[in-house]
Amino acid sequence: MKFNEKLKLMREKNGYTIKQLAKAARVRAKTMEKYELGIEIPKLKTIIKIAEFYGFSTAELFQAAMAEVNEITEAMKKGSDAE
């Protein structure tokens, strides 16, 4: 599961709005929407705040975010190899 999917699923499962999660993570609601849509990946400090909000270790969220960063990096490498 991609980071953005996991983020949205956790929020919905726990009954929070984007605004509530954004406030806890100290980012704008629009920024949180971008995280959930997969347009942006949050900084580590934001991932930590989100994990603290839900009361669990950052490892689970961080692993999902890093997997996505690795996917993007690989896609970029493949794109530049095609040129």
PDB file of N, CA and C in Angstrom:
ATOM      1  N   MET A   1       0.853  -1.180   0.000  1.00  0.00           N
ATOM      2  CA  MET A   1       0.000   0.000   0.000  1.00  0.00           C
ATOM      3  C   MET A   1       0.892   1.233   0.000  1.00  0.00           C
ATOM      4  N   LYS A   2       0.574   2.170  -0.870  1.00  0.00           N
ATOM      5  CA  LYS A   2       1.350   3.398  -0.956  1.00  0.00           C
ATOM      6  C   LYS A   2       1.094   4.283   0.259  1.00  0.00           C
ATOM      7  N   PHE A   3       2.060   5.162   0.504  1.00  0.00           N
ATOM      8  CA  PHE A   3       1.973   6.049   1.659  1.00  0.00           C
ATOM      9  C   PHE A   3       0.679   6.849   1.661  1.00  0.00           C
ATOM     10  N   ASN A   4       0.343   7.456   0.537  1.00  0.00           N
ATOM     11  CA  ASN A   4      -0.850   8.300   0.495  1.00  0.00           C
ATOM     12  C   ASN A   4      -2.117   7.496   0.774  1.00  0.00           C
ATOM     13  N   GLU A   5      -2.172   6.272   0.282  1.00  0.00           N
ATOM     14  CA  GLU A   5      -3.330   5.418   0.534  1.00  0.00           C
ATOM     15  C   GLU A   5      -3.430   5.058   2.010  1.00  0.00           C
ATOM     16  N   LYS A   6      -2.295   4.743   2.604  1.00  0.00           N
ATOM     17  CA  LYS A   6      -2.248   4.396   4.022  1.00  0.00           C
ATOM     18  C   LYS A   6      -2.665   5.595   4.877  1.00  0.00           C
ATOM     19  N   LEU A   7      -2.194   6.758   4.512  1.00  0.00           N
ATOM     20  CA  LEU A   7      -2.515   7.973   5.253  1.00  0.00           C
ATOM     21  C   LEU A   7      -4.021   8.241   5.242  1.00  0.00           C
ATOM     22  N   LYS A   8      -4.624   8.142   4.069  1.00  0.00           N
ATOM     23  CA  LYS A   8      -6.060   8.382   3.945  1.00  0.00           C
ATOM     24  C   LYS A   8      -6.862   7.302   4.673  1.00  0.00           C
ATOM     25  N   LEU A   9      -6.453   6.060   4.520  1.00  0.00           N
ATOM     26  CA  LEU A   9      -7.151   4.961   5.177  1.00  0.00           C
ATOM     27  C   LEU A   9      -7.137   5.120   6.694  1.00  0.00           C
ATOM     28  N   MET A  10      -5.987   5.463   7.251  1.00  0.00           N
ATOM     29  CA  MET A  10      -5.884   5.640   8.703  1.00  0.00           C
ATOM     30  C   MET A  10      -6.765   6.786   9.170  1.00  0.00           C
ATOM     31  N   ARG A  11      -6.771   7.878   8.412  1.00  0.00           N
ATOM     32  CA  ARG A  11      -7.589   9.021   8.801  1.00  0.00           C
ATOM     33  C   ARG A  11      -9.066   8.662   8.788  1.00  0.00           C
ATOM     34  N   GLU A  12      -9.505   8.041   7.704  1.00  0.00           N
ATOM     35  CA  GLU A  12     -10.916   7.685   7.585  1.00  0.00           C
ATOM     36  C   GLU A  12     -11.315   6.625   8.605  1.00  0.00           C
ATOM     37  N   LYS A  13     -10.453   5.659   8.813  1.00  0.00           N
ATOM     38  CA  LYS A  13     -10.722   4.573   9.771  1.00  0.00           C
ATOM     39  C   LYS A  13     -10.906   5.121  11.190  1.00  0.00           C
ATOM     40  N   ASN A  14     -10.161   6.172  11.498  1.00  0.00           N
ATOM     41  CA  ASN A  14     -10.231   6.757  12.838  1.00  0.00           C
ATOM     42  C   ASN A  14     -11.240   7.904  12.932  1.00  0.00           C
ATOM     43  N   GLY A  15     -11.903   8.206  11.826  1.00  0.00           N
ATOM     44  CA  GLY A  15     -12.966   9.203  11.827  1.00  0.00           C
ATOM     45  C   GLY A  15     -12.522  10.652  11.923  1.00  0.00           C
ATOM     46  N   TYR A  16     -11.327  10.951  11.417  1.00  0.00           N
ATOM     47  CA  TYR A  16     -10.822  12.318  11.443  1.00  0.00           C
ATOM     48  C   TYR A  16     -11.031  12.990  10.096  1.00  0.00           C
ATOM     49  N   THR A  17     -11.119  14.299  10.133  1.00  0.00           N
ATOM     50  CA  THR A  17     -11.184  15.077   8.898  1.00  0.00           C
ATOM     51  C   THR A  17      -9.761  15.440   8.486  1.00  0.00           C
ATOM     52  N   ILE A  18      -9.635  15.881   7.250  1.00  0.00           N
ATOM     53  CA  ILE A  18      -8.325  16.341   6.769  1.00  0.00           C
ATOM     54  C   ILE A  18      -7.860  17.521   7.625  1.00  0.00           C
ATOM     55  N   LYS A  19      -8.795  18.406   7.968  1.00  0.00           N
ATOM     56  CA  LYS A  19      -8.438  19.573   8.771  1.00  0.00           C
ATOM     57  C   LYS A  19      -7.896  19.170  10.141  1.00  0.00           C
ATOM     58  N   GLN A  20      -8.498  18.169  10.764  1.00  0.00           N
ATOM     59  CA  GLN A  20      -8.029  17.726  12.080  1.00  0.00           C
ATOM     60  C   GLN A  20      -6.623  17.144  11.996  1.00  0.00           C
ATOM     61  N   LEU A  21      -6.401  16.307  11.006  1.00  0.00           N
ATOM     62  CA  LEU A  21      -5.081  15.703  10.851  1.00  0.00           C
ATOM     63  C   LEU A  21      -4.043  16.754  10.474  1.00  0.00           C
ATOM     64  N   ALA A  22      -4.423  17.673   9.603  1.00  0.00           N
ATOM     65  CA  ALA A  22      -3.501  18.739   9.201  1.00  0.00           C
ATOM     66  C   ALA A  22      -3.102  19.593  10.406  1.00  0.00           C
ATOM     67  N   LYS A  23      -4.073  19.905  11.247  1.00  0.00           N
ATOM     68  CA  LYS A  23      -3.780  20.714  12.435  1.00  0.00           C
ATOM     69  C   LYS A  23      -2.801  19.978  13.355  1.00  0.00           C
ATOM     70  N   ALA A  24      -3.021  18.689  13.550  1.00  0.00           N
ATOM     71  CA  ALA A  24      -2.134  17.894  14.408  1.00  0.00           C
ATOM     72  C   ALA A  24      -0.722  17.806  13.829  1.00  0.00           C
ATOM     73  N   ALA A  25      -0.630  17.756  12.498  1.00  0.00           N
ATOM     74  CA  ALA A  25       0.668  17.646  11.831  1.00  0.00           C
ATOM     75  C   ALA A  25       1.307  19.010  11.584  1.00  0.00           C
ATOM     76  N   ARG A  26       0.558  20.072  11.914  1.00  0.00           N
ATOM     77  CA  ARG A  26       1.014  21.449  11.734  1.00  0.00           C
ATOM     78  C   ARG A  26       1.320  21.783  10.281  1.00  0.00           C
ATOM     79  N   VAL A  27       0.396  21.349   9.412  1.00  0.00           N
ATOM     80  CA  VAL A  27       0.465  21.720   8.004  1.00  0.00           C
ATOM     81  C   VAL A  27      -0.917  22.222   7.590  1.00  0.00           C
ATOM     82  N   ARG A  28      -1.004  22.821   6.449  1.00  0.00           N
ATOM     83  CA  ARG A  28      -2.289  23.304   5.945  1.00  0.00           C
ATOM     84  C   ARG A  28      -3.123  22.122   5.455  1.00  0.00           C
ATOM     85  N   ALA A  29      -4.437  22.278   5.505  1.00  0.00           N
ATOM     86  CA  ALA A  29      -5.338  21.221   5.031  1.00  0.00           C
ATOM     87  C   ALA A  29      -5.062  20.911   3.556  1.00  0.00           C
ATOM     88  N   LYS A  30      -4.783  21.925   2.766  1.00  0.00           N
ATOM     89  CA  LYS A  30      -4.485  21.734   1.343  1.00  0.00           C
ATOM     90  C   LYS A  30      -3.234  20.874   1.159  1.00  0.00           C
ATOM     91  N   THR A  31      -2.257  21.071   2.037  1.00  0.00           N
ATOM     92  CA  THR A  31      -1.031  20.267   1.981  1.00  0.00           C
ATOM     93  C   THR A  31      -1.347  18.816   2.332  1.00  0.00           C
ATOM     94  N   MET A  32      -2.171  18.616   3.355  1.00  0.00           N
ATOM     95  CA  MET A  32      -2.555  17.258   3.744  1.00  0.00           C
ATOM     96  C   MET A  32      -3.314  16.579   2.605  1.00  0.00           C
ATOM     97  N   GLU A  33      -4.144  17.325   1.907  1.00  0.00           N
ATOM     98  CA  GLU A  33      -4.851  16.770   0.745  1.00  0.00           C
ATOM     99  C   GLU A  33      -3.858  16.291  -0.301  1.00  0.00           C
ATOM    100  N   LYS A  34      -2.796  17.063  -0.524  1.00  0.00           N
ATOM    101  CA  LYS A  34      -1.772  16.677  -1.493  1.00  0.00           C
ATOM    102  C   LYS A  34      -1.075  15.393  -1.060  1.00  0.00           C
ATOM    103  N   TYR A  35      -0.842  15.247   0.255  1.00  0.00           N
ATOM    104  CA  TYR A  35      -0.242  14.007   0.755  1.00  0.00           C
ATOM    105  C   TYR A  35      -1.154  12.826   0.454  1.00  0.00           C
ATOM    106  N   GLU A  36      -2.452  12.995   0.721  1.00  0.00           N
ATOM    107  CA  GLU A  36      -3.401  11.906   0.510  1.00  0.00           C
ATOM    108  C   GLU A  36      -3.605  11.574  -0.962  1.00  0.00           C
ATOM    109  N   LEU A  37      -3.445  12.552  -1.819  1.00  0.00           N
ATOM    110  CA  LEU A  37      -3.588  12.320  -3.260  1.00  0.00           C
ATOM    111  C   LEU A  37      -2.303  11.783  -3.887  1.00  0.00           C
ATOM    112  N   GLY A  38      -1.222  11.801  -3.117  1.00  0.00           N
ATOM    113  CA  GLY A  38       0.054  11.312  -3.627  1.00  0.00           C
ATOM    114  C   GLY A  38       0.793  12.332  -4.471  1.00  0.00           C
ATOM    115  N   ILE A  39       0.382  13.590  -4.382  1.00  0.00           N
ATOM    116  CA  ILE A  39       1.033  14.658  -5.138  1.00  0.00           C
ATOM    117  C   ILE A  39       2.341  15.068  -4.468  1.00  0.00           C
ATOM    118  N   GLU A  40       2.345  15.021  -3.141  1.00  0.00           N
ATOM    119  CA  GLU A  40       3.536  15.351  -2.350  1.00  0.00           C
ATOM    120  C   GLU A  40       3.750  14.291  -1.287  1.00  0.00           C
ATOM    121  N   ILE A  41       4.988  14.182  -0.838  1.00  0.00           N
ATOM    122  CA  ILE A  41       5.331  13.297   0.276  1.00  0.00           C
ATOM    123  C   ILE A  41       5.796  14.192   1.415  1.00  0.00           C
ATOM    124  N   PRO A  42       5.249  13.980   2.621  1.00  0.00           N
ATOM    125  CA  PRO A  42       5.613  14.858   3.731  1.00  0.00           C
ATOM    126  C   PRO A  42       7.062  14.697   4.171  1.00  0.00           C
ATOM    127  N   LYS A  43       7.552  15.758   4.793  1.00  0.00           N
ATOM    128  CA  LYS A  43       8.884  15.723   5.386  1.00  0.00           C
ATOM    129  C   LYS A  43       8.862  14.789   6.596  1.00  0.00           C
ATOM    130  N   LEU A  44      10.042  14.357   7.007  1.00  0.00           N
ATOM    131  CA  LEU A  44      10.154  13.437   8.131  1.00  0.00           C
ATOM    132  C   LEU A  44       9.494  13.992   9.387  1.00  0.00           C
ATOM    133  N   LYS A  45       9.680  15.281   9.666  1.00  0.00           N
ATOM    134  CA  LYS A  45       9.101  15.848  10.879  1.00  0.00           C
ATOM    135  C   LYS A  45       7.570  15.780  10.844  1.00  0.00           C
ATOM    136  N   THR A  46       6.992  15.883   9.655  1.00  0.00           N
ATOM    137  CA  THR A  46       5.542  15.785   9.518  1.00  0.00           C
ATOM    138  C   THR A  46       5.092  14.336   9.721  1.00  0.00           C
ATOM    139  N   ILE A  47       5.849  13.396   9.195  1.00  0.00           N
ATOM    140  CA  ILE A  47       5.540  11.976   9.394  1.00  0.00           C
ATOM    141  C   ILE A  47       5.559  11.650  10.885  1.00  0.00           C
ATOM    142  N   ILE A  48       6.531  12.194  11.601  1.00  0.00           N
ATOM    143  CA  ILE A  48       6.622  11.960  13.045  1.00  0.00           C
ATOM    144  C   ILE A  48       5.396  12.524  13.754  1.00  0.00           C
ATOM    145  N   LYS A  49       4.968  13.722  13.382  1.00  0.00           N
ATOM    146  CA  LYS A  49       3.788  14.329  14.006  1.00  0.00           C
ATOM    147  C   LYS A  49       2.528  13.510  13.724  1.00  0.00           C
ATOM    148  N   ILE A  50       2.407  12.995  12.519  1.00  0.00           N
ATOM    149  CA  ILE A  50       1.246  12.172  12.167  1.00  0.00           C
ATOM    150  C   ILE A  50       1.248  10.888  12.996  1.00  0.00           C
ATOM    151  N   ALA A  51       2.405  10.257  13.093  1.00  0.00           N
ATOM    152  CA  ALA A  51       2.513   9.029  13.887  1.00  0.00           C
ATOM    153  C   ALA A  51       2.162   9.289  15.351  1.00  0.00           C
ATOM    154  N   GLU A  52       2.657  10.385  15.891  1.00  0.00           N
ATOM    155  CA  GLU A  52       2.347  10.739  17.281  1.00  0.00           C
ATOM    156  C   GLU A  52       0.849  10.988  17.455  1.00  0.00           C
ATOM    157  N   PHE A  53       0.230  11.606  16.458  1.00  0.00           N
ATOM    158  CA  PHE A  53      -1.209  11.881  16.507  1.00  0.00           C
ATOM    159  C   PHE A  53      -1.994  10.576  16.644  1.00  0.00           C
ATOM    160  N   TYR A  54      -1.572   9.559  15.897  1.00  0.00           N
ATOM    161  CA  TYR A  54      -2.251   8.267  15.961  1.00  0.00           C
ATOM    162  C   TYR A  54      -1.761   7.388  17.108  1.00  0.00           C
ATOM    163  N   GLY A  55      -0.659   7.768  17.721  1.00  0.00           N
ATOM    164  CA  GLY A  55      -0.144   7.032  18.873  1.00  0.00           C
ATOM    165  C   GLY A  55       0.608   5.762  18.530  1.00  0.00           C
ATOM    166  N   PHE A  56       1.325   5.759  17.428  1.00  0.00           N
ATOM    167  CA  PHE A  56       2.156   4.606  17.120  1.00  0.00           C
ATOM    168  C   PHE A  56       3.523   5.031  16.615  1.00  0.00           C
ATOM    169  N   SER A  57       4.372   4.070  16.422  1.00  0.00           N
ATOM    170  CA  SER A  57       5.743   4.314  15.999  1.00  0.00           C
ATOM    171  C   SER A  57       5.784   4.923  14.602  1.00  0.00           C
ATOM    172  N   THR A  58       6.802   5.696  14.372  1.00  0.00           N
ATOM    173  CA  THR A  58       6.976   6.315  13.053  1.00  0.00           C
ATOM    174  C   THR A  58       7.420   5.296  12.014  1.00  0.00           C
ATOM    175  N   ALA A  59       7.895   4.144  12.455  1.00  0.00           N
ATOM    176  CA  ALA A  59       8.447   3.151  11.531  1.00  0.00           C
ATOM    177  C   ALA A  59       7.454   2.768  10.438  1.00  0.00           C
ATOM    178  N   GLU A  60       6.220   2.512  10.808  1.00  0.00           N
ATOM    179  CA  GLU A  60       5.228   2.074   9.826  1.00  0.00           C
ATOM    180  C   GLU A  60       4.990   3.136   8.754  1.00  0.00           C
ATOM    181  N   LEU A  61       4.780   4.376   9.169  1.00  0.00           N
ATOM    182  CA  LEU A  61       4.569   5.456   8.207  1.00  0.00           C
ATOM    183  C   LEU A  61       5.830   5.745   7.414  1.00  0.00           C
ATOM    184  N   PHE A  62       6.964   5.757   8.090  1.00  0.00           N
ATOM    185  CA  PHE A  62       8.224   6.078   7.428  1.00  0.00           C
ATOM    186  C   PHE A  62       8.563   5.037   6.371  1.00  0.00           C
ATOM    187  N   GLN A  63       8.329   3.762   6.675  1.00  0.00           N
ATOM    188  CA  GLN A  63       8.607   2.705   5.704  1.00  0.00           C
ATOM    189  C   GLN A  63       7.756   2.876   4.455  1.00  0.00           C
ATOM    190  N   ALA A  64       6.486   3.234   4.647  1.00  0.00           N
ATOM    191  CA  ALA A  64       5.604   3.446   3.499  1.00  0.00           C
ATOM    192  C   ALA A  64       6.079   4.636   2.670  1.00  0.00           C
ATOM    193  N   ALA A  65       6.474   5.706   3.351  1.00  0.00           N
ATOM    194  CA  ALA A  65       6.951   6.899   2.640  1.00  0.00           C
ATOM    195  C   ALA A  65       8.251   6.595   1.896  1.00  0.00           C
ATOM    196  N   MET A  66       9.165   5.886   2.522  1.00  0.00           N
ATOM    197  CA  MET A  66      10.442   5.580   1.878  1.00  0.00           C
ATOM    198  C   MET A  66      10.254   4.651   0.684  1.00  0.00           C
ATOM    199  N   ALA A  67       9.328   3.718   0.784  1.00  0.00           N
ATOM    200  CA  ALA A  67       9.055   2.834  -0.348  1.00  0.00           C
ATOM    201  C   ALA A  67       8.580   3.653  -1.540  1.00  0.00           C
ATOM    202  N   GLU A  68       7.762   4.646  -1.265  1.00  0.00           N
ATOM    203  CA  GLU A  68       7.267   5.494  -2.344  1.00  0.00           C
ATOM    204  C   GLU A  68       8.385   6.357  -2.930  1.00  0.00           C
ATOM    205  N   VAL A  69       9.246   6.888  -2.087  1.00  0.00           N
ATOM    206  CA  VAL A  69      10.389   7.669  -2.574  1.00  0.00           C
ATOM    207  C   VAL A  69      11.266   6.795  -3.467  1.00  0.00           C
ATOM    208  N   ASN A  70      11.486   5.565  -3.047  1.00  0.00           N
ATOM    209  CA  ASN A  70      12.301   4.646  -3.854  1.00  0.00           C
ATOM    210  C   ASN A  70      11.649   4.366  -5.206  1.00  0.00           C
ATOM    211  N   GLU A  71      10.317   4.197  -5.221  1.00  0.00           N
ATOM    212  CA  GLU A  71       9.605   3.979  -6.481  1.00  0.00           C
ATOM    213  C   GLU A  71       9.788   5.175  -7.420  1.00  0.00           C
ATOM    214  N   ILE A  72       9.656   6.358  -6.884  1.00  0.00           N
ATOM    215  CA  ILE A  72       9.795   7.578  -7.679  1.00  0.00           C
ATOM    216  C   ILE A  72      11.216   7.693  -8.221  1.00  0.00           C
ATOM    217  N   THR A  73      12.182   7.410  -7.366  1.00  0.00           N
ATOM    218  CA  THR A  73      13.590   7.471  -7.770  1.00  0.00           C
ATOM    219  C   THR A  73      13.869   6.485  -8.900  1.00  0.00           C
ATOM    220  N   GLU A  74      13.352   5.267  -8.762  1.00  0.00           N
ATOM    221  CA  GLU A  74      13.553   4.259  -9.806  1.00  0.00           C
ATOM    222  C   GLU A  74      12.899   4.676 -11.119  1.00  0.00           C
ATOM    223  N   ALA A  75      11.695   5.236 -11.035  1.00  0.00           N
ATOM    224  CA  ALA A  75      10.994   5.683 -12.233  1.00  0.00           C
ATOM    225  C   ALA A  75      11.767   6.804 -12.922  1.00  0.00           C
ATOM    226  N   MET A  76      12.339   7.689 -12.113  1.00  0.00           N
ATOM    227  CA  MET A  76      13.130   8.788 -12.680  1.00  0.00           C
ATOM    228  C   MET A  76      14.378   8.244 -13.369  1.00  0.00           C
ATOM    229  N   LYS A  77      15.006   7.253 -12.762  1.00  0.00           N
ATOM    230  CA  LYS A  77      16.201   6.647 -13.365  1.00  0.00           C
ATOM    231  C   LYS A  77      15.857   5.988 -14.705  1.00  0.00           C
ATOM    232  N   LYS A  78      14.744   5.273 -14.724  1.00  0.00           N
ATOM    233  CA  LYS A  78      14.331   4.605 -15.955  1.00  0.00           C
ATOM    234  C   LYS A  78      14.016   5.622 -17.036  1.00  0.00           C
ATOM    235  N   GLY A  79      13.397   6.735 -16.637  1.00  0.00           N
ATOM    236  CA  GLY A  79      13.085   7.792 -17.590  1.00  0.00           C
ATOM    237  C   GLY A  79      14.315   8.420 -18.188  1.00  0.00           C
ATOM    238  N   SER A  80      15.346   8.604 -17.369  1.00  0.00           N
ATOM    239  CA  SER A  80      16.572   9.229 -17.874  1.00  0.00           C
ATOM    240  C   SER A  80      17.391   8.228 -18.701  1.00  0.00           C
ATOM    241  N   ASP A  81      17.231   6.933 -18.425  1.00  0.00           N
ATOM    242  CA  ASP A  81      17.926   5.905 -19.222  1.00  0.00           C
ATOM    243  C   ASP A  81      17.347   5.810 -20.622  1.00  0.00           C
ATOM    244  N   ALA A  82      16.067   6.158 -20.766  1.00  0.00           N
ATOM    245  CA  ALA A  82      15.395   6.070 -22.050  1.00  0.00           C
ATOM    246  C   ALA A  82      15.829   7.183 -23.010  1.00  0.00           C
ATOM    247  N   GLU A  83      16.406   8.237 -22.452  1.00  0.00           N
ATOM    248  CA  GLU A  83      16.797   9.376 -23.290  1.00  0.00           C
ATOM    249  C   GLU A  83      18.073   9.139 -24.040  1.00  0.00           C
TER     250      GLU A  83
END
